[in-house]
PDB file of N, CA and C in Angstrom:
ATOM      1  N   MET A   1       0.837  -1.183   0.000  1.00  0.00           N
ATOM      2  CA  MET A   1       0.000   0.000   0.000  1.00  0.00           C
ATOM      3  C   MET A   1       0.881   1.246   0.000  1.00  0.00           C
ATOM      4  N   SER A   2       0.605   2.169  -0.879  1.00  0.00           N
ATOM      5  CA  SER A   2       1.378   3.401  -0.984  1.00  0.00           C
ATOM      6  C   SER A   2       0.896   4.438   0.021  1.00  0.00           C
ATOM      7  N   LEU A   3       1.825   5.246   0.488  1.00  0.00           N
ATOM      8  CA  LEU A   3       1.477   6.377   1.345  1.00  0.00           C
ATOM      9  C   LEU A   3       1.017   7.530   0.459  1.00  0.00           C
ATOM     10  N   ARG A   4      -0.113   8.116   0.804  1.00  0.00           N
ATOM     11  CA  ARG A   4      -0.680   9.236   0.044  1.00  0.00           C
ATOM     12  C   ARG A   4      -0.041  10.537   0.520  1.00  0.00           C
ATOM     13  N   ILE A   5       0.525  11.298  -0.421  1.00  0.00           N
ATOM     14  CA  ILE A   5       1.281  12.498  -0.083  1.00  0.00           C
ATOM     15  C   ILE A   5       0.655  13.734  -0.699  1.00  0.00           C
ATOM     16  N   LEU A   6       0.581  14.793   0.103  1.00  0.00           N
ATOM     17  CA  LEU A   6       0.214  16.134  -0.369  1.00  0.00           C
ATOM     18  C   LEU A   6       1.484  16.972  -0.352  1.00  0.00           C
ATOM     19  N   LEU A   7       1.848  17.558  -1.509  1.00  0.00           N
ATOM     20  CA  LEU A   7       3.010  18.455  -1.603  1.00  0.00           C
ATOM     21  C   LEU A   7       2.533  19.893  -1.513  1.00  0.00           C
ATOM     22  N   VAL A   8       3.162  20.669  -0.632  1.00  0.00           N
ATOM     23  CA  VAL A   8       2.776  22.071  -0.469  1.00  0.00           C
ATOM     24  C   VAL A   8       4.022  22.938  -0.542  1.00  0.00           C
ATOM     25  N   ASP A   9       4.118  23.735  -1.605  1.00  0.00           N
ATOM     26  CA  ASP A   9       5.257  24.636  -1.776  1.00  0.00           C
ATOM     27  C   ASP A   9       4.839  25.727  -2.743  1.00  0.00           C
ATOM     28  N   ASP A  10       5.211  26.962  -2.446  1.00  0.00           N
ATOM     29  CA  ASP A  10       4.843  28.065  -3.329  1.00  0.00           C
ATOM     30  C   ASP A  10       5.755  28.155  -4.555  1.00  0.00           C
ATOM     31  N   GLU A  11       6.818  27.373  -4.593  1.00  0.00           N
ATOM     32  CA  GLU A  11       7.744  27.386  -5.726  1.00  0.00           C
ATOM     33  C   GLU A  11       7.478  26.163  -6.617  1.00  0.00           C
ATOM     34  N   PRO A  12       6.988  26.386  -7.841  1.00  0.00           N
ATOM     35  CA  PRO A  12       6.690  25.269  -8.736  1.00  0.00           C
ATOM     36  C   PRO A  12       7.903  24.366  -8.989  1.00  0.00           C
ATOM     37  N   LEU A  13       9.086  24.931  -9.106  1.00  0.00           N
ATOM     38  CA  LEU A  13      10.275  24.102  -9.350  1.00  0.00           C
ATOM     39  C   LEU A  13      10.577  23.179  -8.178  1.00  0.00           C
ATOM     40  N   ALA A  14      10.336  23.643  -6.981  1.00  0.00           N
ATOM     41  CA  ALA A  14      10.547  22.799  -5.795  1.00  0.00           C
ATOM     42  C   ALA A  14       9.557  21.638  -5.796  1.00  0.00           C
ATOM     43  N   ARG A  15       8.303  21.909  -6.145  1.00  0.00           N
ATOM     44  CA  ARG A  15       7.306  20.835  -6.225  1.00  0.00           C
ATOM     45  C   ARG A  15       7.685  19.833  -7.308  1.00  0.00           C
ATOM     46  N   GLN A  16       8.130  20.320  -8.449  1.00  0.00           N
ATOM     47  CA  GLN A  16       8.529  19.424  -9.544  1.00  0.00           C
ATOM     48  C   GLN A  16       9.705  18.539  -9.129  1.00  0.00           C
ATOM     49  N   ARG A  17      10.661  19.121  -8.438  1.00  0.00           N
ATOM     50  CA  ARG A  17      11.832  18.361  -7.978  1.00  0.00           C
ATOM     51  C   ARG A  17      11.401  17.248  -7.011  1.00  0.00           C
ATOM     52  N   LEU A  18      10.523  17.581  -6.073  1.00  0.00           N
ATOM     53  CA  LEU A  18      10.029  16.573  -5.138  1.00  0.00           C
ATOM     54  C   LEU A  18       9.221  15.489  -5.847  1.00  0.00           C
ATOM     55  N   LEU A  19       8.430  15.885  -6.826  1.00  0.00           N
ATOM     56  CA  LEU A  19       7.663  14.904  -7.596  1.00  0.00           C
ATOM     57  C   LEU A  19       8.583  13.901  -8.282  1.00  0.00           C
ATOM     58  N   ARG A  20       9.664  14.404  -8.869  1.00  0.00           N
ATOM     59  CA  ARG A  20      10.624  13.508  -9.536  1.00  0.00           C
ATOM     60  C   ARG A  20      11.259  12.552  -8.540  1.00  0.00           C
ATOM     61  N   LEU A  21      11.652  13.068  -7.384  1.00  0.00           N
ATOM     62  CA  LEU A  21      12.282  12.216  -6.369  1.00  0.00           C
ATOM     63  C   LEU A  21      11.315  11.156  -5.843  1.00  0.00           C
ATOM     64  N   LEU A  22      10.090  11.552  -5.587  1.00  0.00           N
ATOM     65  CA  LEU A  22       9.107  10.621  -5.041  1.00  0.00           C
ATOM     66  C   LEU A  22       8.653   9.593  -6.074  1.00  0.00           C
ATOM     67  N   ALA A  23       8.687   9.949  -7.350  1.00  0.00           N
ATOM     68  CA  ALA A  23       8.272   9.032  -8.411  1.00  0.00           C
ATOM     69  C   ALA A  23       9.191   7.817  -8.497  1.00  0.00           C
ATOM     70  N   GLU A  24      10.389   7.925  -7.959  1.00  0.00           N
ATOM     71  CA  GLU A  24      11.349   6.823  -7.986  1.00  0.00           C
ATOM     72  C   GLU A  24      11.017   5.733  -6.967  1.00  0.00           C
ATOM     73  N   HIS A  25      10.024   5.976  -6.116  1.00  0.00           N
ATOM     74  CA  HIS A  25       9.679   5.043  -5.042  1.00  0.00           C
ATOM     75  C   HIS A  25       8.227   4.599  -5.170  1.00  0.00           C
ATOM     76  N   ASP A  26       8.035   3.306  -5.203  1.00  0.00           N
ATOM     77  CA  ASP A  26       6.684   2.752  -5.337  1.00  0.00           C
ATOM     78  C   ASP A  26       5.844   2.939  -4.082  1.00  0.00           C
ATOM     79  N   ASP A  27       6.485   3.249  -2.967  1.00  0.00           N
ATOM     80  CA  ASP A  27       5.764   3.367  -1.692  1.00  0.00           C
ATOM     81  C   ASP A  27       5.049   4.702  -1.520  1.00  0.00           C
ATOM     82  N   PHE A  28       5.251   5.634  -2.447  1.00  0.00           N
ATOM     83  CA  PHE A  28       4.665   6.968  -2.329  1.00  0.00           C
ATOM     84  C   PHE A  28       3.756   7.269  -3.507  1.00  0.00           C
ATOM     85  N   ASP A  29       2.628   7.894  -3.212  1.00  0.00           N
ATOM     86  CA  ASP A  29       1.688   8.318  -4.237  1.00  0.00           C
ATOM     87  C   ASP A  29       1.320   9.769  -3.962  1.00  0.00           C
ATOM     88  N   VAL A  30       1.815  10.683  -4.788  1.00  0.00           N
ATOM     89  CA  VAL A  30       1.482  12.094  -4.611  1.00  0.00           C
ATOM     90  C   VAL A  30       0.055  12.283  -5.139  1.00  0.00           C
ATOM     91  N   VAL A  31      -0.862  12.543  -4.220  1.00  0.00           N
ATOM     92  CA  VAL A  31      -2.277  12.629  -4.577  1.00  0.00           C
ATOM     93  C   VAL A  31      -2.716  14.047  -4.892  1.00  0.00           C
ATOM     94  N   ALA A  32      -1.920  15.044  -4.444  1.00  0.00           N
ATOM     95  CA  ALA A  32      -2.280  16.435  -4.716  1.00  0.00           C
ATOM     96  C   ALA A  32      -1.083  17.336  -4.469  1.00  0.00           C
ATOM     97  N   GLU A  33      -1.171  18.523  -5.066  1.00  0.00           N
ATOM     98  CA  GLU A  33      -0.184  19.581  -4.846  1.00  0.00           C
ATOM     99  C   GLU A  33      -0.936  20.851  -4.490  1.00  0.00           C
ATOM    100  N   ALA A  34      -0.306  21.689  -3.694  1.00  0.00           N
ATOM    101  CA  ALA A  34      -0.874  22.993  -3.368  1.00  0.00           C
ATOM    102  C   ALA A  34       0.243  24.028  -3.410  1.00  0.00           C
ATOM    103  N   ALA A  35      -0.085  25.223  -3.913  1.00  0.00           N
ATOM    104  CA  ALA A  35       0.908  26.284  -4.057  1.00  0.00           C
ATOM    105  C   ALA A  35       0.973  27.194  -2.841  1.00  0.00           C
ATOM    106  N   ASN A  36       0.083  26.964  -1.868  1.00  0.00           N
ATOM    107  CA  ASN A  36       0.123  27.780  -0.646  1.00  0.00           C
ATOM    108  C   ASN A  36      -0.606  27.041   0.480  1.00  0.00           C
ATOM    109  N   GLY A  37      -0.443  27.564   1.671  1.00  0.00           N
ATOM    110  CA  GLY A  37      -1.026  26.917   2.842  1.00  0.00           C
ATOM    111  C   GLY A  37      -2.536  26.894   2.831  1.00  0.00           C
ATOM    112  N   GLN A  38      -3.165  27.964   2.359  1.00  0.00           N
ATOM    113  CA  GLN A  38      -4.624  28.008   2.344  1.00  0.00           C
ATOM    114  C   GLN A  38      -5.195  26.973   1.378  1.00  0.00           C
ATOM    115  N   ALA A  39      -4.571  26.831   0.216  1.00  0.00           N
ATOM    116  CA  ALA A  39      -5.031  25.819  -0.752  1.00  0.00           C
ATOM    117  C   ALA A  39      -4.877  24.418  -0.160  1.00  0.00           C
ATOM    118  N   ALA A  40      -3.779  24.192   0.567  1.00  0.00           N
ATOM    119  CA  ALA A  40      -3.564  22.891   1.209  1.00  0.00           C
ATOM    120  C   ALA A  40      -4.623  22.640   2.278  1.00  0.00           C
ATOM    121  N   LEU A  41      -4.916  23.648   3.080  1.00  0.00           N
ATOM    122  CA  LEU A  41      -5.930  23.514   4.117  1.00  0.00           C
ATOM    123  C   LEU A  41      -7.297  23.199   3.506  1.00  0.00           C
ATOM    124  N   ASP A  42      -7.637  23.897   2.439  1.00  0.00           N
ATOM    125  CA  ASP A  42      -8.913  23.631   1.759  1.00  0.00           C
ATOM    126  C   ASP A  42      -8.954  22.189   1.256  1.00  0.00           C
ATOM    127  N   TRP A  43      -7.852  21.714   0.678  1.00  0.00           N
ATOM    128  CA  TRP A  43      -7.792  20.339   0.168  1.00  0.00           C
ATOM    129  C   TRP A  43      -7.930  19.346   1.315  1.00  0.00           C
ATOM    130  N   LEU A  44      -7.221  19.594   2.420  1.00  0.00           N
ATOM    131  CA  LEU A  44      -7.247  18.676   3.558  1.00  0.00           C
ATOM    132  C   LEU A  44      -8.619  18.602   4.230  1.00  0.00           C
ATOM    133  N   ARG A  45      -9.393  19.633   4.102  1.00  0.00           N
ATOM    134  CA  ARG A  45     -10.738  19.611   4.686  1.00  0.00           C
ATOM    135  C   ARG A  45     -11.677  18.676   3.927  1.00  0.00           C
ATOM    136  N   GLN A  46     -11.302  18.328   2.705  1.00  0.00           N
ATOM    137  CA  GLN A  46     -12.156  17.469   1.889  1.00  0.00           C
ATOM    138  C   GLN A  46     -11.526  16.127   1.552  1.00  0.00           C
ATOM    139  N   HIS A  47     -10.213  15.993   1.751  1.00  0.00           N
ATOM    140  CA  HIS A  47      -9.499  14.785   1.369  1.00  0.00           C
ATOM    141  C   HIS A  47      -8.565  14.354   2.499  1.00  0.00           C
ATOM    142  N   ASN A  48      -7.884  13.246   2.266  1.00  0.00           N
ATOM    143  CA  ASN A  48      -6.957  12.745   3.273  1.00  0.00           C
ATOM    144  C   ASN A  48      -5.608  12.449   2.636  1.00  0.00           C
ATOM    145  N   ALA A  49      -4.558  12.715   3.378  1.00  0.00           N
ATOM    146  CA  ALA A  49      -3.199  12.365   2.975  1.00  0.00           C
ATOM    147  C   ALA A  49      -2.514  11.750   4.187  1.00  0.00           C
ATOM    148  N   ASP A  50      -1.671  10.767   3.934  1.00  0.00           N
ATOM    149  CA  ASP A  50      -0.911  10.162   5.028  1.00  0.00           C
ATOM    150  C   ASP A  50       0.251  11.048   5.448  1.00  0.00           C
ATOM    151  N   ILE A  51       0.834  11.733   4.459  1.00  0.00           N
ATOM    152  CA  ILE A  51       1.983  12.604   4.702  1.00  0.00           C
ATOM    153  C   ILE A  51       1.748  13.927   3.994  1.00  0.00           C
ATOM    154  N   VAL A  52       2.073  15.027   4.672  1.00  0.00           N
ATOM    155  CA  VAL A  52       2.002  16.358   4.071  1.00  0.00           C
ATOM    156  C   VAL A  52       3.411  16.932   4.097  1.00  0.00           C
ATOM    157  N   LEU A  53       3.966  17.179   2.899  1.00  0.00           N
ATOM    158  CA  LEU A  53       5.290  17.792   2.792  1.00  0.00           C
ATOM    159  C   LEU A  53       5.094  19.287   2.605  1.00  0.00           C
ATOM    160  N   LEU A  54       5.586  20.066   3.565  1.00  0.00           N
ATOM    161  CA  LEU A  54       5.307  21.502   3.614  1.00  0.00           C
ATOM    162  C   LEU A  54       6.559  22.351   3.477  1.00  0.00           C
ATOM    163  N   ASP A  55       6.430  23.429   2.728  1.00  0.00           N
ATOM    164  CA  ASP A  55       7.440  24.482   2.712  1.00  0.00           C
ATOM    165  C   ASP A  55       7.206  25.315   3.975  1.00  0.00           C
ATOM    166  N   ILE A  56       8.270  25.634   4.671  1.00  0.00           N
ATOM    167  CA  ILE A  56       8.116  26.364   5.933  1.00  0.00           C
ATOM    168  C   ILE A  56       7.734  27.828   5.713  1.00  0.00           C
ATOM    169  N   GLU A  57       8.271  28.434   4.651  1.00  0.00           N
ATOM    170  CA  GLU A  57       8.003  29.854   4.402  1.00  0.00           C
ATOM    171  C   GLU A  57       7.236  30.014   3.103  1.00  0.00           C
ATOM    172  N   MET A  58       5.974  30.394   3.253  1.00  0.00           N
ATOM    173  CA  MET A  58       5.116  30.690   2.109  1.00  0.00           C
ATOM    174  C   MET A  58       4.323  31.938   2.434  1.00  0.00           C
ATOM    175  N   PRO A  59       3.911  32.677   1.426  1.00  0.00           N
ATOM    176  CA  PRO A  59       3.058  33.836   1.689  1.00  0.00           C
ATOM    177  C   PRO A  59       1.744  33.398   2.344  1.00  0.00           C
ATOM    178  N   GLY A  60       1.244  34.195   3.238  1.00  0.00           N
ATOM    179  CA  GLY A  60      -0.022  33.862   3.903  1.00  0.00           C
ATOM    180  C   GLY A  60       0.178  32.774   4.932  1.00  0.00           C
ATOM    181  N   LEU A  61      -0.596  31.727   4.833  1.00  0.00           N
ATOM    182  CA  LEU A  61      -0.536  30.608   5.767  1.00  0.00           C
ATOM    183  C   LEU A  61       0.747  29.809   5.509  1.00  0.00           C
ATOM    184  N   THR A  62       1.651  29.796   6.477  1.00  0.00           N
ATOM    185  CA  THR A  62       2.934  29.109   6.311  1.00  0.00           C
ATOM    186  C   THR A  62       2.792  27.614   6.599  1.00  0.00           C
ATOM    187  N   GLY A  63       3.861  26.883   6.309  1.00  0.00           N
ATOM    188  CA  GLY A  63       3.877  25.463   6.621  1.00  0.00           C
ATOM    189  C   GLY A  63       3.723  25.206   8.107  1.00  0.00           C
ATOM    190  N   LEU A  64       4.357  26.038   8.920  1.00  0.00           N
ATOM    191  CA  LEU A  64       4.218  25.889  10.377  1.00  0.00           C
ATOM    192  C   LEU A  64       2.784  26.155  10.820  1.00  0.00           C
ATOM    193  N   ASP A  65       2.186  27.204  10.264  1.00  0.00           N
ATOM    194  CA  ASP A  65       0.789  27.511  10.602  1.00  0.00           C
ATOM    195  C   ASP A  65      -0.121  26.331  10.282  1.00  0.00           C
ATOM    196  N   LEU A  66       0.058  25.785   9.091  1.00  0.00           N
ATOM    197  CA  LEU A  66      -0.785  24.678   8.651  1.00  0.00           C
ATOM    198  C   LEU A  66      -0.607  23.454   9.538  1.00  0.00           C
ATOM    199  N   SER A  67       0.633  23.158   9.899  1.00  0.00           N
ATOM    200  CA  SER A  67       0.864  21.986  10.748  1.00  0.00           C
ATOM    201  C   SER A  67       0.240  22.178  12.126  1.00  0.00           C
ATOM    202  N   LEU A  68       0.250  23.390  12.646  1.00  0.00           N
ATOM    203  CA  LEU A  68      -0.362  23.647  13.950  1.00  0.00           C
ATOM    204  C   LEU A  68      -1.882  23.527  13.898  1.00  0.00           C
ATOM    205  N   ILE A  69      -2.470  23.896  12.783  1.00  0.00           N
ATOM    206  CA  ILE A  69      -3.916  23.774  12.634  1.00  0.00           C
ATOM    207  C   ILE A  69      -4.318  22.307  12.680  1.00  0.00           C
ATOM    208  N   HIS A  70      -3.505  21.448  12.070  1.00  0.00           N
ATOM    209  CA  HIS A  70      -3.852  20.027  11.973  1.00  0.00           C
ATOM    210  C   HIS A  70      -3.064  19.134  12.927  1.00  0.00           C
ATOM    211  N   ILE A  71      -2.418  19.697  13.918  1.00  0.00           N
ATOM    212  CA  ILE A  71      -1.580  18.916  14.837  1.00  0.00           C
ATOM    213  C   ILE A  71      -2.398  17.897  15.627  1.00  0.00           C
ATOM    214  N   SER A  72      -3.682  18.160  15.767  1.00  0.00           N
ATOM    215  CA  SER A  72      -4.532  17.252  16.554  1.00  0.00           C
ATOM    216  C   SER A  72      -4.865  15.965  15.795  1.00  0.00           C
ATOM    217  N   GLU A  73      -4.439  15.851  14.554  1.00  0.00           N
ATOM    218  CA  GLU A  73      -4.725  14.665  13.759  1.00  0.00           C
ATOM    219  C   GLU A  73      -3.561  13.688  13.877  1.00  0.00           C
ATOM    220  N   PRO A  74      -3.648  12.699  14.753  1.00  0.00           N
ATOM    221  CA  PRO A  74      -2.511  11.821  15.021  1.00  0.00           C
ATOM    222  C   PRO A  74      -2.116  10.924  13.861  1.00  0.00           C
ATOM    223  N   THR A  75      -2.994  10.721  12.886  1.00  0.00           N
ATOM    224  CA  THR A  75      -2.666   9.844  11.779  1.00  0.00           C
ATOM    225  C   THR A  75      -1.938  10.553  10.642  1.00  0.00           C
ATOM    226  N   ARG A  76      -1.883  11.856  10.696  1.00  0.00           N
ATOM    227  CA  ARG A  76      -1.247  12.626   9.624  1.00  0.00           C
ATOM    228  C   ARG A  76       0.191  12.955  10.030  1.00  0.00           C
ATOM    229  N   ARG A  77       1.117  12.787   9.099  1.00  0.00           N
ATOM    230  CA  ARG A  77       2.524  13.108   9.332  1.00  0.00           C
ATOM    231  C   ARG A  77       2.908  14.337   8.537  1.00  0.00           C
ATOM    232  N   TYR A  78       3.726  15.205   9.118  1.00  0.00           N
ATOM    233  CA  TYR A  78       4.167  16.419   8.448  1.00  0.00           C
ATOM    234  C   TYR A  78       5.678  16.423   8.344  1.00  0.00           C
ATOM    235  N   ALA A  79       6.165  16.866   7.207  1.00  0.00           N
ATOM    236  CA  ALA A  79       7.592  17.129   7.022  1.00  0.00           C
ATOM    237  C   ALA A  79       7.687  18.565   6.573  1.00  0.00           C
ATOM    238  N   ILE A  80       8.360  19.386   7.335  1.00  0.00           N
ATOM    239  CA  ILE A  80       8.449  20.810   7.053  1.00  0.00           C
ATOM    240  C   ILE A  80       9.883  21.149   6.692  1.00  0.00           C
ATOM    241  N   SER A  81      10.048  21.854   5.557  1.00  0.00           N
ATOM    242  CA  SER A  81      11.406  22.242   5.161  1.00  0.00           C
ATOM    243  C   SER A  81      11.440  23.693   4.743  1.00  0.00           C
TER     244      SER A  81
END
């Protein structure tokens, strides 16, 4: 079973680089991308991801802000960079 991943980064090149790296592993399935924290939050309110890869510094809602909003969800894992 693959882990479902949401990529969140305001830089398209950073998202593309992560997509290429993750595509090399059968254990990961990138189910969505978001260009900012608010878009990620909206997606998470309607969908589920096992892992959320977050950019720490984004305009508006940052990666840290987003992780704090969803910290009460014990099944979700966050990686912030």
